[in-house]
N, C-alpha and C. Protein backbone atom coordinates (compact mmCIF):
# COMPACT_ATOMS: atom_id res chain seq x y z
N MET A 1 201.47 36.34 84.70
CA MET A 1 201.71 37.86 84.83
C MET A 1 202.37 38.09 86.17
N THR A 2 203.39 38.97 86.22
CA THR A 2 204.07 39.22 87.36
C THR A 2 203.21 40.26 88.15
N PRO A 3 203.51 40.43 89.47
CA PRO A 3 202.77 41.56 90.22
C PRO A 3 203.00 42.92 89.64
N CYS A 4 204.21 43.23 89.19
CA CYS A 4 204.55 44.49 88.52
C CYS A 4 203.79 44.75 87.26
N GLU A 5 203.63 43.66 86.43
CA GLU A 5 202.88 43.64 85.25
C GLU A 5 201.51 43.91 85.48
N PHE A 6 200.89 43.17 86.54
CA PHE A 6 199.49 43.32 86.83
C PHE A 6 199.24 44.59 87.31
N ILE A 7 200.07 45.17 88.19
CA ILE A 7 199.80 46.53 88.68
C ILE A 7 199.84 47.65 87.56
N SER A 8 200.89 47.48 86.68
CA SER A 8 201.01 48.50 85.56
C SER A 8 199.73 48.44 84.69
N THR A 9 199.26 47.21 84.40
CA THR A 9 198.05 47.25 83.52
C THR A 9 196.75 47.57 84.20
N SER A 10 196.68 47.50 85.47
CA SER A 10 195.39 47.73 86.24
C SER A 10 195.25 49.01 86.93
N THR A 11 196.37 49.94 86.85
CA THR A 11 196.28 51.24 87.51
C THR A 11 196.66 52.34 86.61
N VAL A 12 196.52 53.52 87.09
CA VAL A 12 197.12 54.80 86.45
C VAL A 12 197.90 55.49 87.49
N VAL A 13 198.91 56.34 86.96
CA VAL A 13 199.67 57.13 87.91
C VAL A 13 198.90 58.40 88.14
N ALA A 14 198.60 58.61 89.40
CA ALA A 14 197.80 59.81 89.79
C ALA A 14 198.23 60.26 91.33
N ALA A 15 197.84 61.51 91.66
CA ALA A 15 198.11 62.03 93.03
C ALA A 15 196.91 61.97 93.81
N PRO A 16 197.02 61.43 95.02
CA PRO A 16 195.90 61.47 95.96
C PRO A 16 195.44 62.88 96.23
N PRO A 17 194.17 63.29 96.51
CA PRO A 17 193.76 64.64 96.50
C PRO A 17 194.31 65.40 97.74
N LEU A 18 194.63 64.76 98.86
CA LEU A 18 195.15 65.36 100.04
C LEU A 18 196.68 65.58 100.04
N VAL A 19 197.31 64.80 99.19
CA VAL A 19 198.78 64.87 99.14
C VAL A 19 199.27 65.00 97.67
N PRO A 20 199.01 66.04 96.96
CA PRO A 20 199.39 66.10 95.61
C PRO A 20 200.80 66.11 95.33
N GLU A 21 201.68 66.20 96.42
CA GLU A 21 203.10 66.10 96.23
C GLU A 21 203.55 64.81 95.81
N ILE A 22 202.80 63.74 96.04
CA ILE A 22 203.03 62.38 95.83
C ILE A 22 202.24 61.75 94.66
N ILE A 23 202.80 60.93 93.85
CA ILE A 23 202.12 60.19 92.83
C ILE A 23 202.25 58.76 93.03
N LEU A 24 201.13 58.03 92.80
CA LEU A 24 200.99 56.58 93.04
C LEU A 24 200.38 55.93 91.93
N HIS A 25 200.52 54.57 91.86
CA HIS A 25 199.81 53.67 90.95
C HIS A 25 198.49 53.52 91.75
N LEU A 26 197.28 53.98 91.21
CA LEU A 26 196.04 53.94 91.76
C LEU A 26 195.02 53.35 90.76
N ALA A 27 194.01 52.77 91.24
CA ALA A 27 192.91 52.22 90.46
C ALA A 27 191.84 53.29 90.23
N THR A 28 191.39 53.37 89.01
CA THR A 28 190.44 54.37 88.60
C THR A 28 188.97 53.84 88.81
N GLU A 29 188.89 52.59 88.65
CA GLU A 29 187.60 51.90 88.82
C GLU A 29 187.80 50.67 89.68
N VAL A 30 186.84 50.59 90.70
CA VAL A 30 186.92 49.59 91.72
C VAL A 30 186.62 48.22 91.24
N THR A 31 185.45 48.10 90.60
CA THR A 31 184.96 46.73 90.32
C THR A 31 185.80 45.87 89.32
N PRO A 32 186.25 46.55 88.20
CA PRO A 32 187.20 45.71 87.19
C PRO A 32 188.43 45.23 87.95
N LEU A 33 189.07 46.09 88.74
CA LEU A 33 190.26 45.62 89.47
C LEU A 33 189.99 44.51 90.36
N TRP A 34 188.86 44.64 91.13
CA TRP A 34 188.51 43.56 92.13
C TRP A 34 188.34 42.23 91.38
N GLN A 35 187.58 42.29 90.24
CA GLN A 35 187.33 41.12 89.54
C GLN A 35 188.56 40.51 88.91
N ALA A 36 189.45 41.41 88.42
CA ALA A 36 190.75 40.96 87.87
C ALA A 36 191.54 40.32 88.93
N THR A 37 191.55 40.87 90.07
CA THR A 37 192.30 40.31 91.25
C THR A 37 191.85 39.03 91.76
N GLU A 38 190.51 38.80 91.65
CA GLU A 38 189.93 37.54 92.09
C GLU A 38 190.61 36.34 91.35
N VAL A 39 190.88 36.55 90.15
CA VAL A 39 191.63 35.47 89.32
C VAL A 39 192.95 35.11 90.03
N GLU A 40 193.65 36.32 90.44
CA GLU A 40 194.93 36.09 91.10
C GLU A 40 194.77 35.46 92.53
N LEU A 41 193.61 35.90 93.14
CA LEU A 41 193.48 35.36 94.46
C LEU A 41 193.22 33.88 94.41
N ASP A 42 192.34 33.40 93.36
CA ASP A 42 192.24 31.93 93.38
C ASP A 42 193.51 31.22 93.03
N ARG A 43 194.44 31.89 92.27
CA ARG A 43 195.60 31.24 91.90
C ARG A 43 196.74 31.23 92.95
N HIS A 44 196.78 32.35 93.65
CA HIS A 44 197.89 32.53 94.70
C HIS A 44 197.48 32.77 96.11
N ASN A 45 196.12 32.69 96.47
CA ASN A 45 195.67 32.99 97.72
C ASN A 45 196.11 34.31 98.28
N LEU A 46 196.01 35.40 97.53
CA LEU A 46 196.39 36.72 97.93
C LEU A 46 195.21 37.53 98.52
N PRO A 47 195.54 38.54 99.34
CA PRO A 47 194.47 39.37 99.83
C PRO A 47 193.89 40.26 98.70
N PRO A 48 192.75 40.83 99.01
CA PRO A 48 192.15 41.91 98.08
C PRO A 48 193.08 43.10 97.78
N PRO A 49 192.83 43.77 96.71
CA PRO A 49 193.81 44.84 96.23
C PRO A 49 193.67 46.22 96.98
N TYR A 50 193.79 46.11 98.36
CA TYR A 50 193.81 47.42 99.16
C TYR A 50 194.86 48.35 98.65
N TRP A 51 195.98 47.82 98.21
CA TRP A 51 197.07 48.54 97.87
C TRP A 51 196.83 49.58 96.68
N ALA A 52 195.65 49.46 95.93
CA ALA A 52 195.40 50.14 94.78
C ALA A 52 194.74 51.54 95.03
N PHE A 53 194.44 51.75 96.33
CA PHE A 53 193.78 52.96 96.66
C PHE A 53 194.37 53.74 97.84
N ALA A 54 194.22 55.08 97.82
CA ALA A 54 194.91 55.94 98.79
C ALA A 54 193.83 56.17 99.90
N TRP A 55 193.76 55.34 100.83
CA TRP A 55 192.73 55.51 101.92
C TRP A 55 192.77 56.71 102.73
N PRO A 56 191.74 57.10 103.21
CA PRO A 56 191.67 58.43 104.05
C PRO A 56 192.72 58.45 105.20
N GLY A 57 192.90 57.45 105.96
CA GLY A 57 193.80 57.33 107.08
C GLY A 57 195.20 57.42 106.61
N GLY A 58 195.55 56.95 105.51
CA GLY A 58 196.93 57.03 104.97
C GLY A 58 197.23 58.48 104.43
N GLN A 59 196.17 58.96 103.76
CA GLN A 59 196.42 60.34 103.28
C GLN A 59 196.56 61.42 104.35
N ALA A 60 195.82 61.21 105.38
CA ALA A 60 195.76 62.19 106.50
C ALA A 60 197.18 62.10 107.26
N VAL A 61 197.77 60.95 107.53
CA VAL A 61 199.01 60.80 108.12
C VAL A 61 200.11 61.44 107.14
N SER A 62 199.96 61.10 105.93
CA SER A 62 200.99 61.66 104.88
C SER A 62 200.95 63.23 105.09
N ARG A 63 199.71 63.66 104.95
CA ARG A 63 199.65 65.13 104.96
C ARG A 63 200.17 65.77 106.26
N TYR A 64 199.95 65.09 107.40
CA TYR A 64 200.48 65.61 108.64
C TYR A 64 202.00 65.51 108.75
N VAL A 65 202.56 64.54 108.19
CA VAL A 65 204.11 64.32 108.19
C VAL A 65 204.75 65.34 107.20
N LEU A 66 204.09 65.62 106.06
CA LEU A 66 204.65 66.58 105.22
C LEU A 66 204.53 68.00 105.82
N ASP A 67 203.49 68.36 106.48
CA ASP A 67 203.33 69.56 107.06
C ASP A 67 204.06 69.80 108.35
N ASN A 68 204.47 68.70 109.04
CA ASN A 68 205.24 68.69 110.25
C ASN A 68 206.57 67.79 110.15
N PRO A 69 207.44 68.04 109.35
CA PRO A 69 208.52 67.32 108.98
C PRO A 69 209.41 67.05 110.24
N ALA A 70 209.37 67.83 111.27
CA ALA A 70 210.34 67.59 112.43
C ALA A 70 209.85 66.33 113.10
N LEU A 71 208.60 65.81 112.82
CA LEU A 71 208.28 64.46 113.43
C LEU A 71 209.13 63.34 113.06
N VAL A 72 209.50 63.40 111.74
CA VAL A 72 210.32 62.21 111.18
C VAL A 72 211.77 62.56 110.80
N ARG A 73 212.14 63.93 110.80
CA ARG A 73 213.39 64.30 110.19
C ARG A 73 214.59 63.70 110.92
N ASP A 74 215.46 63.00 110.21
CA ASP A 74 216.60 62.41 110.81
C ASP A 74 216.25 61.17 111.75
N ARG A 75 215.02 60.73 111.64
CA ARG A 75 214.61 59.52 112.53
C ARG A 75 214.42 58.40 111.54
N ARG A 76 214.22 57.16 112.20
CA ARG A 76 214.10 55.95 111.48
C ARG A 76 212.53 55.61 111.62
N VAL A 77 211.94 55.41 110.54
CA VAL A 77 210.46 55.43 110.49
C VAL A 77 210.02 54.03 109.81
N LEU A 78 208.88 53.42 110.48
CA LEU A 78 208.28 52.28 110.01
C LEU A 78 206.88 52.67 109.44
N ASP A 79 206.47 52.37 108.24
CA ASP A 79 205.09 52.48 107.72
C ASP A 79 204.49 51.16 107.92
N PHE A 80 203.65 51.06 108.77
CA PHE A 80 202.93 49.70 109.04
C PHE A 80 201.71 49.51 108.20
N ALA A 81 201.46 48.29 107.75
CA ALA A 81 200.38 48.03 106.83
C ALA A 81 200.35 49.08 105.72
N ALA A 82 201.39 49.22 105.10
CA ALA A 82 201.73 50.36 104.22
C ALA A 82 200.80 50.55 102.92
N GLY A 83 200.13 49.51 102.50
CA GLY A 83 199.21 49.58 101.29
C GLY A 83 200.00 50.14 100.09
N SER A 84 199.67 51.31 99.69
CA SER A 84 200.38 51.98 98.50
C SER A 84 201.68 52.43 98.78
N GLY A 85 202.11 52.65 100.15
CA GLY A 85 203.27 53.19 100.48
C GLY A 85 203.33 54.75 100.62
N VAL A 86 202.13 55.36 100.53
CA VAL A 86 202.07 56.83 100.56
C VAL A 86 202.68 57.36 101.80
N ILE A 87 202.45 56.76 103.03
CA ILE A 87 203.08 57.34 104.18
C ILE A 87 204.52 57.20 104.15
N ALA A 88 205.07 56.05 103.75
CA ALA A 88 206.45 55.93 103.63
C ALA A 88 207.14 57.00 102.80
N ILE A 89 206.52 57.21 101.63
CA ILE A 89 207.09 58.28 100.67
C ILE A 89 206.99 59.58 101.30
N ALA A 90 205.88 59.87 102.06
CA ALA A 90 205.84 61.28 102.73
C ALA A 90 206.93 61.47 103.78
N ALA A 91 207.23 60.36 104.56
CA ALA A 91 208.30 60.31 105.50
C ALA A 91 209.58 60.58 104.86
N ARG A 92 209.82 59.85 103.82
CA ARG A 92 211.08 60.16 103.12
C ARG A 92 211.24 61.55 102.58
N GLN A 93 210.17 62.08 101.95
CA GLN A 93 210.16 63.44 101.53
C GLN A 93 210.36 64.38 102.67
N ALA A 94 209.87 64.23 103.77
CA ALA A 94 210.03 64.94 104.91
C ALA A 94 211.35 64.90 105.77
N GLY A 95 212.27 63.95 105.14
CA GLY A 95 213.61 64.01 105.74
C GLY A 95 213.90 62.86 106.65
N ALA A 96 213.17 61.89 106.71
CA ALA A 96 213.45 60.64 107.57
C ALA A 96 214.81 60.07 107.22
N ALA A 97 215.53 59.63 108.28
CA ALA A 97 216.85 59.06 107.97
C ALA A 97 216.84 57.82 107.31
N SER A 98 215.81 56.89 107.52
CA SER A 98 215.47 55.76 106.81
C SER A 98 213.99 55.48 107.09
N VAL A 99 213.51 54.66 106.03
CA VAL A 99 212.00 54.31 106.06
C VAL A 99 211.85 52.88 105.70
N VAL A 100 211.17 52.09 106.49
CA VAL A 100 210.76 50.70 106.27
C VAL A 100 209.30 50.63 105.99
N ALA A 101 208.86 50.17 104.92
CA ALA A 101 207.37 49.98 104.70
C ALA A 101 207.12 48.54 104.68
N VAL A 102 206.16 48.11 105.51
CA VAL A 102 205.99 46.70 105.80
C VAL A 102 204.49 46.32 105.42
N GLU A 103 204.39 45.10 104.73
CA GLU A 103 203.13 44.62 104.34
C GLU A 103 203.12 43.15 104.39
N ILE A 104 202.01 42.54 104.34
CA ILE A 104 201.99 40.96 104.30
C ILE A 104 201.50 40.51 102.90
N ASP A 105 201.11 41.47 102.09
CA ASP A 105 200.68 41.27 100.71
C ASP A 105 201.78 41.43 99.71
N ALA A 106 202.10 40.40 98.93
CA ALA A 106 203.22 40.42 97.89
C ALA A 106 202.93 41.53 96.91
N TYR A 107 201.69 41.71 96.41
CA TYR A 107 201.21 42.76 95.53
C TYR A 107 201.45 44.13 96.05
N ALA A 108 201.09 44.23 97.39
CA ALA A 108 201.36 45.58 98.02
C ALA A 108 202.88 45.85 98.18
N ALA A 109 203.60 44.86 98.53
CA ALA A 109 205.08 45.09 98.44
C ALA A 109 205.61 45.53 97.12
N ALA A 110 205.00 44.93 96.01
CA ALA A 110 205.54 45.33 94.80
C ALA A 110 205.09 46.83 94.39
N VAL A 111 203.90 47.09 94.81
CA VAL A 111 203.45 48.50 94.41
C VAL A 111 204.12 49.47 95.13
N ILE A 112 204.49 49.24 96.42
CA ILE A 112 205.27 50.18 97.30
C ILE A 112 206.56 50.53 96.66
N ALA A 113 207.27 49.42 96.15
CA ALA A 113 208.54 49.67 95.49
C ALA A 113 208.37 50.46 94.18
N MET A 114 207.32 50.15 93.43
CA MET A 114 207.07 50.91 92.20
C MET A 114 206.65 52.39 92.54
N ASN A 115 205.86 52.60 93.54
CA ASN A 115 205.50 53.98 93.95
C ASN A 115 206.75 54.70 94.49
N ALA A 116 207.59 53.97 95.22
CA ALA A 116 208.83 54.71 95.66
C ALA A 116 209.73 55.20 94.56
N THR A 117 209.79 54.29 93.52
CA THR A 117 210.52 54.74 92.29
C THR A 117 209.95 55.92 91.69
N LEU A 118 208.55 55.98 91.52
CA LEU A 118 207.90 57.01 90.84
C LEU A 118 208.25 58.45 91.58
N ASN A 119 208.54 58.30 92.88
CA ASN A 119 208.82 59.52 93.71
C ASN A 119 210.30 59.69 94.10
N GLY A 120 211.11 59.00 93.35
CA GLY A 120 212.48 59.07 93.61
C GLY A 120 212.91 58.74 94.99
N ALA A 121 212.18 57.72 95.60
CA ALA A 121 212.53 57.29 97.00
C ALA A 121 212.75 55.78 97.07
N ALA A 122 213.26 55.24 96.05
CA ALA A 122 213.56 53.66 95.97
C ALA A 122 214.77 53.36 96.81
N PHE A 123 214.73 52.22 97.37
CA PHE A 123 215.83 51.56 98.12
C PHE A 123 216.78 51.15 97.12
N PRO A 124 218.26 51.32 97.49
CA PRO A 124 218.68 52.03 98.67
C PRO A 124 218.92 53.40 98.51
N ASP A 125 218.97 54.09 97.47
CA ASP A 125 219.22 55.51 97.37
C ASP A 125 218.28 56.39 97.98
N GLY A 126 216.96 56.11 97.88
CA GLY A 126 215.89 56.85 98.38
C GLY A 126 215.52 56.55 99.77
N GLY A 127 216.05 55.41 100.30
CA GLY A 127 215.80 55.19 101.75
C GLY A 127 214.60 54.33 102.06
N ILE A 128 213.66 53.95 101.26
CA ILE A 128 212.47 53.28 101.53
C ILE A 128 212.89 51.64 101.30
N LYS A 129 212.82 50.91 102.40
CA LYS A 129 212.99 49.52 102.21
C LYS A 129 211.75 48.80 102.46
N VAL A 130 211.36 47.87 101.68
CA VAL A 130 210.03 47.11 101.69
C VAL A 130 210.28 45.82 102.23
N ARG A 131 209.43 45.44 103.29
CA ARG A 131 209.43 44.21 103.96
C ARG A 131 208.12 43.58 103.90
N CYS A 132 208.09 42.32 103.36
CA CYS A 132 206.77 41.60 103.28
C CYS A 132 206.71 40.47 104.38
N GLU A 133 206.22 40.80 105.49
CA GLU A 133 206.03 39.98 106.63
C GLU A 133 205.15 40.53 107.67
N ASP A 134 204.75 39.73 108.68
CA ASP A 134 203.91 40.17 109.73
C ASP A 134 204.85 40.58 111.01
N LEU A 135 204.92 41.84 111.22
CA LEU A 135 205.82 42.31 112.29
C LEU A 135 205.06 42.50 113.67
N VAL A 136 203.75 42.27 113.60
CA VAL A 136 202.95 42.60 114.92
C VAL A 136 203.63 41.74 116.06
N GLY A 137 203.91 42.40 117.11
CA GLY A 137 204.58 41.87 118.27
C GLY A 137 206.02 42.04 118.37
N ASP A 138 206.65 42.51 117.22
CA ASP A 138 208.08 42.68 117.10
C ASP A 138 208.48 43.97 117.99
N ALA A 139 209.60 43.93 118.59
CA ALA A 139 209.95 45.07 119.40
C ALA A 139 210.46 46.18 118.60
N LEU A 140 210.66 46.08 117.22
CA LEU A 140 211.13 47.07 116.23
C LEU A 140 212.36 47.77 116.75
N ASP A 141 213.38 47.05 117.12
CA ASP A 141 214.64 47.72 117.43
C ASP A 141 215.16 48.35 116.13
N GLY A 142 215.64 49.58 116.38
CA GLY A 142 216.17 50.41 115.34
C GLY A 142 215.12 51.28 114.57
N ILE A 143 213.90 51.36 115.18
CA ILE A 143 212.80 52.20 114.60
C ILE A 143 212.54 53.19 115.73
N ASP A 144 212.41 54.44 115.27
CA ASP A 144 212.01 55.56 116.23
C ASP A 144 210.50 55.91 116.13
N VAL A 145 209.94 55.93 114.91
CA VAL A 145 208.64 56.40 114.67
C VAL A 145 207.82 55.26 113.89
N VAL A 146 206.65 54.97 114.38
CA VAL A 146 205.71 54.07 113.69
C VAL A 146 204.48 54.84 113.25
N LEU A 147 204.26 54.68 111.90
CA LEU A 147 203.24 55.37 111.23
C LEU A 147 202.26 54.41 110.66
N ALA A 148 200.90 54.63 110.63
CA ALA A 148 199.92 53.74 110.12
C ALA A 148 198.68 54.47 109.79
N GLY A 149 197.93 54.07 108.76
CA GLY A 149 196.63 54.60 108.43
C GLY A 149 195.72 53.53 108.23
N ASP A 150 194.35 53.68 108.82
CA ASP A 150 193.25 52.79 108.64
C ASP A 150 193.63 51.46 109.02
N VAL A 151 193.75 51.18 110.30
CA VAL A 151 194.14 49.86 110.79
C VAL A 151 193.02 49.37 111.75
N CYS A 152 191.93 50.08 111.85
CA CYS A 152 190.96 49.75 112.92
C CYS A 152 189.53 49.44 112.33
N TYR A 153 189.61 48.89 111.06
CA TYR A 153 188.32 48.52 110.37
C TYR A 153 187.81 47.13 110.72
N GLU A 154 188.58 46.25 111.25
CA GLU A 154 188.16 45.01 111.71
C GLU A 154 188.64 44.73 113.10
N ARG A 155 187.67 44.17 114.00
CA ARG A 155 187.94 44.00 115.32
C ARG A 155 189.13 43.24 115.65
N PRO A 156 189.38 42.04 115.11
CA PRO A 156 190.59 41.33 115.46
C PRO A 156 191.84 42.00 115.22
N MET A 157 191.98 42.60 114.01
CA MET A 157 193.27 43.38 113.70
C MET A 157 193.35 44.52 114.57
N ALA A 158 192.25 45.33 114.74
CA ALA A 158 192.37 46.53 115.66
C ALA A 158 192.84 46.15 117.01
N GLU A 159 192.33 45.09 117.55
CA GLU A 159 192.77 44.76 118.97
C GLU A 159 194.10 44.34 119.09
N ARG A 160 194.52 43.47 118.02
CA ARG A 160 195.89 42.92 118.11
C ARG A 160 196.86 44.12 117.84
N VAL A 161 196.63 45.00 116.83
CA VAL A 161 197.60 46.07 116.43
C VAL A 161 197.59 47.07 117.57
N THR A 162 196.52 47.50 118.17
CA THR A 162 196.40 48.56 119.19
C THR A 162 197.28 48.05 120.45
N ALA A 163 197.02 46.83 120.80
CA ALA A 163 197.99 46.46 122.08
C ALA A 163 199.41 46.47 121.63
N TRP A 164 199.78 46.17 120.46
CA TRP A 164 201.26 46.13 120.00
C TRP A 164 201.67 47.68 119.98
N PHE A 165 200.83 48.41 119.50
CA PHE A 165 201.14 49.90 119.29
C PHE A 165 201.39 50.49 120.78
N ARG A 166 200.56 50.20 121.70
CA ARG A 166 200.71 50.69 123.06
C ARG A 166 201.89 50.21 123.73
N ALA A 167 202.32 48.96 123.44
CA ALA A 167 203.54 48.42 123.97
C ALA A 167 204.78 49.27 123.37
N LEU A 168 204.71 49.51 122.07
CA LEU A 168 205.75 50.23 121.49
C LEU A 168 205.83 51.71 122.00
N ALA A 169 204.75 52.30 122.30
CA ALA A 169 204.71 53.61 122.80
C ALA A 169 205.31 53.60 124.21
N GLY A 170 205.05 52.47 124.90
CA GLY A 170 205.65 52.40 126.24
C GLY A 170 207.11 52.17 126.29
N ALA A 171 207.58 51.67 125.16
CA ALA A 171 209.05 51.51 124.93
C ALA A 171 209.82 52.81 124.36
N GLY A 172 209.11 53.81 124.32
CA GLY A 172 209.53 55.20 123.97
C GLY A 172 209.45 55.55 122.44
N LYS A 173 208.82 54.62 121.67
CA LYS A 173 208.62 55.03 120.24
C LYS A 173 207.38 55.95 119.98
N THR A 174 207.52 56.74 119.05
CA THR A 174 206.36 57.60 118.63
C THR A 174 205.46 56.78 117.78
N VAL A 175 204.19 56.64 118.08
CA VAL A 175 203.29 55.78 117.27
C VAL A 175 202.12 56.64 116.90
N ILE A 176 201.91 56.84 115.51
CA ILE A 176 200.79 57.76 115.10
C ILE A 176 200.03 56.95 114.01
N ILE A 177 198.73 57.08 114.11
CA ILE A 177 197.73 56.53 113.19
C ILE A 177 196.88 57.51 112.60
N GLY A 178 196.25 57.21 111.49
CA GLY A 178 195.14 58.08 110.87
C GLY A 178 193.89 57.17 110.86
N ASP A 179 192.82 57.83 111.31
CA ASP A 179 191.54 56.99 111.42
C ASP A 179 190.45 57.93 110.88
N PRO A 180 189.66 57.48 109.94
CA PRO A 180 188.45 58.14 109.37
C PRO A 180 187.02 57.80 110.11
N GLY A 181 187.19 57.38 111.31
CA GLY A 181 186.04 56.97 111.96
C GLY A 181 185.55 55.46 111.88
N ARG A 182 186.69 54.63 111.83
CA ARG A 182 186.37 53.26 111.74
C ARG A 182 185.81 52.64 113.03
N SER A 183 185.11 51.61 113.00
CA SER A 183 184.25 51.08 114.09
C SER A 183 185.05 50.66 115.22
N TYR A 184 186.29 50.16 115.06
CA TYR A 184 187.12 49.58 116.13
C TYR A 184 188.25 50.38 116.58
N LEU A 185 188.22 51.64 116.43
CA LEU A 185 189.27 52.48 116.91
C LEU A 185 189.09 52.46 118.58
N PRO A 186 190.19 52.31 119.26
CA PRO A 186 189.94 52.34 120.81
C PRO A 186 189.41 53.65 121.26
N GLY A 187 188.67 53.57 122.42
CA GLY A 187 188.07 54.82 122.82
C GLY A 187 188.96 55.68 123.83
N ASP A 188 190.08 55.13 124.22
CA ASP A 188 190.93 55.87 125.06
C ASP A 188 192.32 55.72 124.59
N GLY A 189 193.30 56.47 125.36
CA GLY A 189 194.73 56.27 125.06
C GLY A 189 195.09 56.93 123.75
N LEU A 190 194.38 57.96 123.26
CA LEU A 190 194.69 58.61 122.06
C LEU A 190 194.81 60.07 122.17
N CYS A 191 195.80 60.66 121.42
CA CYS A 191 195.87 62.19 121.46
C CYS A 191 195.68 62.65 120.08
N GLU A 192 194.71 63.52 119.79
CA GLU A 192 194.50 64.02 118.52
C GLU A 192 195.55 65.12 118.17
N LEU A 193 196.24 64.88 117.02
CA LEU A 193 197.12 65.85 116.56
C LEU A 193 196.73 66.73 115.41
N ALA A 194 195.69 66.19 114.63
CA ALA A 194 195.21 66.96 113.49
C ALA A 194 194.00 66.26 112.97
N ARG A 195 193.17 66.90 112.18
CA ARG A 195 192.02 66.41 111.49
C ARG A 195 191.92 66.99 110.12
N TYR A 196 191.56 66.30 109.07
CA TYR A 196 191.34 66.69 107.73
C TYR A 196 190.06 66.07 107.17
N VAL A 197 189.50 66.81 106.22
CA VAL A 197 188.45 66.36 105.45
C VAL A 197 189.11 65.72 104.21
N VAL A 198 188.98 64.51 103.93
CA VAL A 198 189.68 63.72 102.87
C VAL A 198 188.58 63.38 101.78
N PRO A 199 188.67 63.90 100.62
CA PRO A 199 187.80 63.44 99.55
C PRO A 199 187.92 61.89 99.33
N THR A 200 186.72 61.27 99.19
CA THR A 200 186.74 59.79 98.93
C THR A 200 185.74 59.52 97.76
N SER A 201 185.85 58.25 97.43
CA SER A 201 184.99 57.73 96.31
C SER A 201 183.79 56.91 96.95
N LEU A 202 182.60 57.09 96.40
CA LEU A 202 181.48 56.28 96.86
C LEU A 202 181.62 54.80 96.60
N ASP A 203 182.50 54.45 95.61
CA ASP A 203 182.81 53.09 95.35
C ASP A 203 183.53 52.40 96.58
N LEU A 204 184.23 53.23 97.36
CA LEU A 204 184.93 52.77 98.55
C LEU A 204 184.41 52.99 99.78
N GLU A 205 183.76 54.10 100.03
CA GLU A 205 183.26 54.64 101.35
C GLU A 205 181.75 54.91 101.04
N ASP A 206 181.03 55.28 102.19
CA ASP A 206 179.55 55.53 102.06
C ASP A 206 179.36 57.04 101.89
N ARG A 207 180.35 57.80 101.60
CA ARG A 207 180.16 59.28 101.51
C ARG A 207 181.29 59.77 100.58
N VAL A 208 181.13 60.99 100.19
CA VAL A 208 182.12 61.58 99.28
C VAL A 208 183.32 62.27 99.93
N SER A 209 183.35 62.36 101.31
CA SER A 209 184.48 62.80 102.07
C SER A 209 184.45 62.14 103.39
N ARG A 210 185.65 62.03 104.03
CA ARG A 210 185.72 61.45 105.42
C ARG A 210 186.48 62.41 106.26
N GLU A 211 185.89 62.91 107.38
CA GLU A 211 186.69 63.59 108.30
C GLU A 211 187.63 62.56 109.04
N THR A 212 188.95 62.84 108.92
CA THR A 212 189.89 61.82 109.29
C THR A 212 190.90 62.46 110.40
N ARG A 213 191.12 61.82 111.59
CA ARG A 213 191.95 62.36 112.55
C ARG A 213 193.28 61.68 112.52
N VAL A 214 194.24 62.41 112.94
CA VAL A 214 195.56 61.93 113.13
C VAL A 214 195.82 61.83 114.50
N LEU A 215 196.13 60.65 115.11
CA LEU A 215 196.12 60.37 116.50
C LEU A 215 197.49 59.79 116.94
N ARG A 216 197.96 60.25 118.10
CA ARG A 216 199.19 59.62 118.71
C ARG A 216 198.65 58.64 119.73
N ILE A 217 199.26 57.52 119.69
CA ILE A 217 198.95 56.35 120.60
C ILE A 217 199.75 56.51 121.97
N ALA A 218 199.03 56.50 123.00
CA ALA A 218 199.66 56.60 124.28
C ALA A 218 200.18 55.14 124.82
N ALA A 219 201.07 55.14 125.75
CA ALA A 219 201.58 53.91 126.29
C ALA A 219 200.44 53.19 127.03
N ALA A 220 200.53 51.87 127.08
CA ALA A 220 199.54 51.14 127.83
C ALA A 220 199.50 51.40 129.30
């Protein structure tokens, strides 16, 4: 089964609660999808299906971008650890000149392309280009704005990505993240831009909603 076939049979098309302007391939039940994906994990050594859910951080950044289009209008945007691609789609809808969505998971890369097509934002005409690679540490020449949601849930990733984000901010790029209170969010060097209460599922979180902040990363 190809990634696109697996995604089509394991998800439904629905809108995340905070960004009803966007539709995505989303899982309606967590356990069956996780169990189905474990077969693929054993076969292809792939990460868990984080791409099948609209996480609070991504929804919050997407909402902020749609409500503040000047942030990305006519600028070159990178959606880092893009997951479903919701932030990339929001940036394109808000008028970004170009959008790159980057992931390290081949299934996530596939679902981003599928979700871009659902929203009329497929590359090349819609402007969202999908890259499946690890870009942490890259200088990101040709990018003006870096957007990310929910990247501080594990210490090693949070520390590695935060250091990179601060270096990018020091190089003059706008770097914005969404965080719903993850444990490894840095305690300083952040400027709050907005906060939202994002409905969540008890299957994914420990509560039915998450207060989620949109934060700008300051230079190191």
